[in-house]
């Protein structure tokens, strides 16, 4: 069983017990956070928004870290222009503690309406024509 979750503008495939680095979350170390599920895969795949409301993905914040330093160097030839800067991304290490589906399986099967049920009745207006004017 796994889920696709969205956090920090990125999507991750997560399983229970997995640790991963995500964009910085505004939670203290040891706190539990809820992640937004986009898809759940157990016995069946669940992608319906109503069924995904039943899916809960929780993770525990292990700690906050900084990514490796990226060096940015700007250079324009024949002009004496050189600039060197760096960047370190703020990250949070989390561990997925629980993926629960609730009643997602029952809600994952939408009821299908009969095709053309409204047309079969042949509704007519007061002038003897059909609804579409023909």
N, C-alpha and C. Protein backbone atom coordinates (compact mmCIF):
# COMPACT_ATOMS: atom_id res chain seq x y z
N UNK A 1 0.84 -1.16 0.00
CA UNK A 1 0.00 0.00 0.00
C UNK A 1 0.90 1.23 0.00
N UNK A 2 0.56 2.20 -0.86
CA UNK A 2 1.31 3.44 -0.92
C UNK A 2 0.37 4.58 -1.27
N UNK A 3 0.90 5.79 -1.19
CA UNK A 3 0.12 6.97 -1.52
C UNK A 3 1.03 7.97 -2.23
N UNK A 4 0.41 8.79 -3.06
CA UNK A 4 1.11 9.92 -3.67
C UNK A 4 0.62 11.15 -2.90
N UNK A 5 1.56 11.89 -2.30
CA UNK A 5 1.19 13.06 -1.51
C UNK A 5 1.85 14.30 -2.09
N UNK A 6 1.28 15.46 -1.74
CA UNK A 6 1.80 16.73 -2.22
C UNK A 6 2.18 17.58 -1.02
N UNK A 7 3.41 18.09 -1.04
CA UNK A 7 3.87 19.01 -0.02
C UNK A 7 4.98 19.87 -0.60
N UNK A 8 4.94 21.14 -0.31
CA UNK A 8 5.98 22.05 -0.78
C UNK A 8 6.02 22.19 -2.29
N UNK A 9 4.89 22.01 -2.96
CA UNK A 9 4.86 22.15 -4.42
C UNK A 9 5.40 20.95 -5.16
N UNK A 10 5.72 19.89 -4.46
CA UNK A 10 6.25 18.68 -5.09
C UNK A 10 5.39 17.49 -4.70
N UNK A 11 5.50 16.41 -5.49
CA UNK A 11 4.74 15.20 -5.21
C UNK A 11 5.71 14.07 -4.88
N UNK A 12 5.33 13.26 -3.90
CA UNK A 12 6.18 12.16 -3.44
C UNK A 12 5.36 10.88 -3.34
N UNK A 13 5.97 9.76 -3.69
CA UNK A 13 5.36 8.44 -3.48
C UNK A 13 5.86 7.95 -2.13
N UNK A 14 4.94 7.71 -1.19
CA UNK A 14 5.34 7.36 0.17
C UNK A 14 4.70 6.05 0.60
N UNK A 15 5.41 5.33 1.44
CA UNK A 15 4.92 4.11 2.08
C UNK A 15 5.12 4.27 3.58
N UNK A 16 4.43 3.46 4.34
CA UNK A 16 4.52 3.54 5.79
C UNK A 16 5.94 3.18 6.23
N UNK A 17 6.51 3.98 7.14
CA UNK A 17 7.85 3.75 7.65
C UNK A 17 8.95 4.43 6.84
N UNK A 18 8.63 5.02 5.72
CA UNK A 18 9.62 5.66 4.85
C UNK A 18 10.01 7.03 5.38
N UNK A 19 11.29 7.40 5.26
CA UNK A 19 11.74 8.75 5.62
C UNK A 19 12.12 9.48 4.34
N UNK A 20 11.85 10.78 4.33
CA UNK A 20 12.21 11.56 3.15
C UNK A 20 12.42 13.01 3.53
N UNK A 21 13.12 13.73 2.65
CA UNK A 21 13.38 15.16 2.84
C UNK A 21 12.40 15.95 1.99
N UNK A 22 11.72 16.90 2.62
CA UNK A 22 10.76 17.74 1.91
C UNK A 22 11.10 19.20 2.19
N UNK A 23 10.43 20.10 1.48
CA UNK A 23 10.62 21.53 1.74
C UNK A 23 10.27 21.82 3.20
N UNK A 24 10.85 22.87 3.76
CA UNK A 24 10.70 23.18 5.18
C UNK A 24 9.23 23.29 5.58
N UNK A 25 8.87 22.55 6.63
CA UNK A 25 7.51 22.57 7.18
C UNK A 25 7.50 23.39 8.47
N UNK A 26 6.43 24.14 8.74
CA UNK A 26 6.38 24.97 9.96
C UNK A 26 5.94 24.17 11.17
N UNK A 27 6.68 23.11 11.50
CA UNK A 27 6.35 22.28 12.66
C UNK A 27 7.64 21.97 13.41
N UNK A 28 7.51 21.80 14.71
CA UNK A 28 8.67 21.49 15.54
C UNK A 28 9.06 20.01 15.38
N UNK A 29 10.27 19.68 15.74
CA UNK A 29 10.73 18.29 15.69
C UNK A 29 9.90 17.45 16.65
N UNK A 30 9.44 16.30 16.20
CA UNK A 30 8.61 15.42 17.00
C UNK A 30 7.12 15.61 16.78
N UNK A 31 6.73 16.67 16.10
CA UNK A 31 5.31 16.94 15.86
C UNK A 31 4.80 16.08 14.70
N UNK A 32 3.51 15.81 14.70
CA UNK A 32 2.88 15.07 13.61
C UNK A 32 2.27 16.07 12.63
N UNK A 33 2.42 15.77 11.34
CA UNK A 33 1.85 16.61 10.29
C UNK A 33 0.99 15.74 9.38
N UNK A 34 -0.04 16.34 8.82
CA UNK A 34 -0.91 15.64 7.87
C UNK A 34 -0.49 16.06 6.46
N UNK A 35 -0.31 15.08 5.58
CA UNK A 35 0.07 15.35 4.21
C UNK A 35 -1.15 15.20 3.31
N UNK A 36 -1.20 15.99 2.25
CA UNK A 36 -2.35 15.98 1.33
C UNK A 36 -2.22 14.85 0.32
N UNK A 37 -3.12 13.84 0.37
CA UNK A 37 -3.01 12.74 -0.59
C UNK A 37 -3.61 13.11 -1.95
N UNK A 38 -2.91 12.73 -3.01
CA UNK A 38 -3.42 12.91 -4.37
C UNK A 38 -3.90 11.59 -4.95
N UNK A 39 -3.32 10.48 -4.45
CA UNK A 39 -3.71 9.15 -4.89
C UNK A 39 -3.40 8.16 -3.79
N UNK A 40 -4.22 7.13 -3.67
CA UNK A 40 -3.99 6.07 -2.71
C UNK A 40 -4.08 4.75 -3.45
N UNK A 41 -3.16 3.86 -3.16
CA UNK A 41 -3.16 2.55 -3.81
C UNK A 41 -3.06 1.48 -2.73
N UNK A 42 -4.15 0.74 -2.56
CA UNK A 42 -4.19 -0.41 -1.66
C UNK A 42 -4.61 -1.60 -2.50
N UNK A 43 -5.80 -2.14 -2.22
CA UNK A 43 -6.35 -3.18 -3.07
C UNK A 43 -6.78 -2.59 -4.41
N UNK A 44 -7.29 -1.35 -4.37
CA UNK A 44 -7.71 -0.63 -5.56
C UNK A 44 -7.08 0.75 -5.55
N UNK A 45 -7.01 1.37 -6.71
CA UNK A 45 -6.50 2.73 -6.79
C UNK A 45 -7.63 3.71 -6.49
N UNK A 46 -7.34 4.72 -5.66
CA UNK A 46 -8.32 5.72 -5.30
C UNK A 46 -7.79 7.07 -5.74
N UNK A 47 -8.51 7.72 -6.67
CA UNK A 47 -8.12 9.06 -7.12
C UNK A 47 -9.29 10.04 -7.06
N UNK A 48 -10.48 9.55 -6.73
CA UNK A 48 -11.67 10.38 -6.64
C UNK A 48 -11.54 11.34 -5.45
N UNK A 49 -11.77 12.64 -5.65
CA UNK A 49 -11.60 13.60 -4.54
C UNK A 49 -12.48 13.30 -3.33
N UNK A 50 -13.70 12.80 -3.55
CA UNK A 50 -14.56 12.47 -2.42
C UNK A 50 -14.00 11.30 -1.63
N UNK A 51 -13.47 10.31 -2.33
CA UNK A 51 -12.88 9.15 -1.65
C UNK A 51 -11.56 9.51 -0.99
N UNK A 52 -10.80 10.44 -1.58
CA UNK A 52 -9.53 10.84 -0.99
C UNK A 52 -9.72 11.62 0.30
N UNK A 53 -10.92 12.16 0.52
CA UNK A 53 -11.19 12.85 1.79
C UNK A 53 -11.13 11.87 2.96
N UNK A 54 -11.34 10.58 2.71
CA UNK A 54 -11.28 9.55 3.75
C UNK A 54 -9.85 9.07 4.00
N UNK A 55 -8.93 9.31 3.06
CA UNK A 55 -7.55 8.83 3.18
C UNK A 55 -6.76 9.79 4.06
N UNK A 56 -6.06 9.26 5.05
CA UNK A 56 -5.24 10.06 5.96
C UNK A 56 -3.80 9.60 5.85
N UNK A 57 -2.91 10.54 5.59
CA UNK A 57 -1.47 10.27 5.57
C UNK A 57 -0.84 11.17 6.61
N UNK A 58 -0.25 10.57 7.64
CA UNK A 58 0.38 11.35 8.70
C UNK A 58 1.87 11.02 8.75
N UNK A 59 2.65 12.02 9.13
CA UNK A 59 4.09 11.86 9.22
C UNK A 59 4.59 12.58 10.47
N UNK A 60 5.72 12.12 10.99
CA UNK A 60 6.34 12.73 12.17
C UNK A 60 7.59 13.48 11.72
N UNK A 61 7.75 14.70 12.18
CA UNK A 61 8.92 15.51 11.85
C UNK A 61 10.10 15.00 12.66
N UNK A 62 11.12 14.55 11.97
CA UNK A 62 12.32 14.06 12.65
C UNK A 62 13.25 15.22 12.98
N UNK A 63 13.42 16.13 12.03
CA UNK A 63 14.28 17.28 12.28
C UNK A 63 14.35 18.18 11.07
N UNK A 64 14.98 19.34 11.27
CA UNK A 64 15.14 20.31 10.19
C UNK A 64 16.60 20.31 9.76
N UNK A 65 16.83 20.39 8.45
CA UNK A 65 18.18 20.35 7.90
C UNK A 65 18.31 21.41 6.82
N UNK A 66 19.52 21.54 6.34
CA UNK A 66 19.79 22.40 5.19
C UNK A 66 20.42 21.53 4.12
N UNK A 67 20.03 21.77 2.87
CA UNK A 67 20.56 21.01 1.75
C UNK A 67 22.00 21.38 1.47
N UNK A 68 22.59 20.68 0.51
CA UNK A 68 23.97 20.98 0.16
C UNK A 68 24.04 22.32 -0.56
N UNK A 69 25.21 22.93 -0.51
CA UNK A 69 25.38 24.27 -1.07
C UNK A 69 25.47 24.20 -2.59
N UNK A 70 24.69 25.05 -3.23
CA UNK A 70 24.74 25.19 -4.68
C UNK A 70 25.53 26.46 -4.98
N UNK A 71 26.51 26.36 -5.84
CA UNK A 71 27.31 27.52 -6.23
C UNK A 71 26.75 28.13 -7.50
N UNK A 72 26.51 29.44 -7.46
CA UNK A 72 26.00 30.17 -8.60
C UNK A 72 27.07 31.15 -9.02
N UNK A 73 27.52 31.05 -10.28
CA UNK A 73 28.59 31.92 -10.77
C UNK A 73 28.10 32.62 -12.03
N UNK A 74 28.11 33.95 -12.00
CA UNK A 74 27.71 34.74 -13.17
C UNK A 74 28.96 35.39 -13.75
N UNK A 75 29.05 35.38 -15.09
CA UNK A 75 30.25 35.88 -15.75
C UNK A 75 29.87 36.44 -17.11
N UNK A 76 30.35 37.64 -17.40
CA UNK A 76 30.17 38.22 -18.73
C UNK A 76 31.56 38.53 -19.29
N UNK A 77 31.91 37.91 -20.40
CA UNK A 77 33.26 38.10 -20.93
C UNK A 77 33.49 39.53 -21.43
N UNK A 78 34.71 39.97 -21.34
CA UNK A 78 35.19 41.27 -21.85
C UNK A 78 34.57 42.46 -21.13
N UNK A 79 33.94 42.23 -20.00
CA UNK A 79 33.32 43.34 -19.26
C UNK A 79 33.79 43.40 -17.80
N UNK A 80 34.57 42.44 -17.37
CA UNK A 80 35.05 42.43 -15.99
C UNK A 80 33.96 42.15 -14.97
N UNK A 81 32.91 41.44 -15.39
CA UNK A 81 31.78 41.16 -14.50
C UNK A 81 31.85 39.73 -14.02
N UNK A 82 32.01 39.54 -12.73
CA UNK A 82 32.02 38.21 -12.12
C UNK A 82 31.28 38.30 -10.79
N UNK A 83 30.37 37.37 -10.57
CA UNK A 83 29.65 37.30 -9.30
C UNK A 83 29.56 35.84 -8.87
N UNK A 84 29.86 35.58 -7.61
CA UNK A 84 29.74 34.23 -7.10
C UNK A 84 28.85 34.27 -5.86
N UNK A 85 27.78 33.49 -5.90
CA UNK A 85 26.88 33.40 -4.76
C UNK A 85 26.60 31.92 -4.51
N UNK A 86 25.91 31.64 -3.44
CA UNK A 86 25.55 30.26 -3.11
C UNK A 86 24.15 30.20 -2.54
N UNK A 87 23.64 28.98 -2.45
CA UNK A 87 22.29 28.79 -1.92
C UNK A 87 22.22 27.45 -1.20
N UNK A 88 21.60 27.45 -0.03
CA UNK A 88 21.33 26.21 0.70
C UNK A 88 19.85 26.17 1.02
N UNK A 89 19.17 25.15 0.53
CA UNK A 89 17.73 25.02 0.71
C UNK A 89 17.40 24.55 2.12
N UNK A 90 16.35 25.12 2.71
CA UNK A 90 15.86 24.71 4.01
C UNK A 90 14.98 23.48 3.83
N UNK A 91 15.26 22.39 4.52
CA UNK A 91 14.55 21.13 4.36
C UNK A 91 14.08 20.59 5.71
N UNK A 92 13.12 19.67 5.64
CA UNK A 92 12.61 18.98 6.83
C UNK A 92 12.63 17.48 6.55
N UNK A 93 13.20 16.71 7.48
CA UNK A 93 13.19 15.26 7.34
C UNK A 93 11.97 14.72 8.10
N UNK A 94 11.13 13.95 7.37
CA UNK A 94 9.92 13.39 7.98
C UNK A 94 9.90 11.88 7.81
N UNK A 95 9.16 11.22 8.69
CA UNK A 95 8.95 9.78 8.60
C UNK A 95 7.44 9.54 8.53
N UNK A 96 7.01 8.80 7.50
CA UNK A 96 5.59 8.51 7.33
C UNK A 96 5.21 7.47 8.37
N UNK A 97 4.27 7.82 9.24
CA UNK A 97 3.89 6.92 10.33
C UNK A 97 2.62 6.13 10.02
N UNK A 98 1.70 6.73 9.24
CA UNK A 98 0.43 6.04 9.01
C UNK A 98 -0.17 6.43 7.67
N UNK A 99 -0.67 5.42 6.96
CA UNK A 99 -1.48 5.64 5.77
C UNK A 99 -2.74 4.82 5.98
N UNK A 100 -3.86 5.51 6.21
CA UNK A 100 -5.12 4.79 6.45
C UNK A 100 -6.14 5.23 5.43
N UNK A 101 -6.91 4.24 4.94
CA UNK A 101 -7.86 4.50 3.87
C UNK A 101 -9.24 4.82 4.40
N UNK A 102 -9.58 4.46 5.60
CA UNK A 102 -10.92 4.69 6.13
C UNK A 102 -11.93 3.90 5.32
N UNK A 103 -12.93 4.58 4.78
CA UNK A 103 -13.94 3.93 3.95
C UNK A 103 -13.72 4.28 2.48
N UNK A 104 -12.46 4.46 2.07
CA UNK A 104 -12.17 4.91 0.72
C UNK A 104 -12.56 3.87 -0.32
N UNK A 105 -12.47 2.59 0.03
CA UNK A 105 -12.79 1.55 -0.96
C UNK A 105 -14.26 1.59 -1.35
N UNK A 106 -15.14 1.79 -0.38
CA UNK A 106 -16.57 1.82 -0.69
C UNK A 106 -16.92 3.07 -1.49
N UNK A 107 -16.26 4.17 -1.21
CA UNK A 107 -16.57 5.41 -1.92
C UNK A 107 -15.85 5.49 -3.26
N UNK A 108 -14.91 4.59 -3.52
CA UNK A 108 -14.13 4.66 -4.76
C UNK A 108 -14.93 4.20 -5.96
N UNK A 109 -16.03 3.46 -5.74
CA UNK A 109 -16.84 2.97 -6.85
C UNK A 109 -18.02 3.90 -7.06
N UNK A 110 -17.95 4.81 -8.05
CA UNK A 110 -19.07 5.73 -8.26
C UNK A 110 -20.24 5.02 -8.92
N UNK A 111 -21.46 5.43 -8.56
CA UNK A 111 -22.65 4.87 -9.17
C UNK A 111 -22.83 5.48 -10.55
N UNK A 112 -23.06 4.65 -11.55
CA UNK A 112 -23.19 5.15 -12.91
C UNK A 112 -24.66 5.41 -13.23
N UNK A 113 -24.92 6.54 -13.84
CA UNK A 113 -26.28 6.86 -14.27
C UNK A 113 -26.52 6.21 -15.63
N UNK A 114 -27.75 5.84 -15.89
CA UNK A 114 -28.07 5.22 -17.17
C UNK A 114 -27.93 6.27 -18.27
N UNK A 115 -27.23 5.89 -19.33
CA UNK A 115 -27.00 6.81 -20.44
C UNK A 115 -28.29 7.00 -21.21
N UNK A 116 -28.66 8.25 -21.46
CA UNK A 116 -29.84 8.56 -22.27
C UNK A 116 -31.15 8.38 -21.55
N UNK A 117 -31.17 8.31 -20.24
CA UNK A 117 -32.41 8.09 -19.50
C UNK A 117 -33.36 9.27 -19.67
N UNK A 118 -32.85 10.49 -19.74
CA UNK A 118 -33.69 11.67 -19.91
C UNK A 118 -34.26 11.76 -21.32
N UNK A 119 -33.55 11.25 -22.31
CA UNK A 119 -34.01 11.33 -23.69
C UNK A 119 -35.07 10.28 -23.99
N UNK A 120 -35.05 9.18 -23.27
CA UNK A 120 -35.97 8.09 -23.55
C UNK A 120 -37.40 8.46 -23.18
N UNK A 121 -37.56 9.41 -22.25
CA UNK A 121 -38.90 9.76 -21.82
C UNK A 121 -39.65 10.56 -22.88
N UNK A 122 -38.96 11.29 -23.74
CA UNK A 122 -39.58 12.07 -24.80
C UNK A 122 -40.40 13.22 -24.27
N UNK A 123 -39.85 14.03 -23.40
CA UNK A 123 -40.56 15.16 -22.82
C UNK A 123 -40.91 16.17 -23.91
N UNK A 124 -42.11 16.72 -23.83
CA UNK A 124 -42.53 17.72 -24.80
C UNK A 124 -43.02 18.95 -24.07
N UNK A 125 -42.93 20.09 -24.75
CA UNK A 125 -43.41 21.33 -24.18
C UNK A 125 -44.86 21.55 -24.59
N UNK A 126 -45.44 22.68 -24.17
CA UNK A 126 -46.84 22.93 -24.44
C UNK A 126 -47.14 23.14 -25.92
N UNK A 127 -46.12 23.52 -26.72
CA UNK A 127 -46.36 23.75 -28.15
C UNK A 127 -46.21 22.47 -28.96
N UNK A 128 -46.03 21.32 -28.31
CA UNK A 128 -45.96 20.03 -29.01
C UNK A 128 -44.57 19.68 -29.48
N UNK A 129 -43.59 20.54 -29.24
CA UNK A 129 -42.23 20.25 -29.64
C UNK A 129 -41.46 19.69 -28.45
N UNK A 130 -40.32 19.06 -28.71
CA UNK A 130 -39.48 18.55 -27.64
C UNK A 130 -38.78 19.67 -26.90
N UNK A 131 -38.00 19.31 -25.88
CA UNK A 131 -37.31 20.30 -25.07
C UNK A 131 -36.32 21.11 -25.89
N UNK A 132 -35.70 20.47 -26.89
CA UNK A 132 -34.69 21.16 -27.68
C UNK A 132 -35.31 21.99 -28.80
N UNK A 133 -36.64 22.04 -28.91
CA UNK A 133 -37.29 22.88 -29.88
C UNK A 133 -37.55 22.19 -31.21
N UNK A 134 -37.31 20.90 -31.34
CA UNK A 134 -37.53 20.22 -32.61
C UNK A 134 -38.80 19.43 -32.61
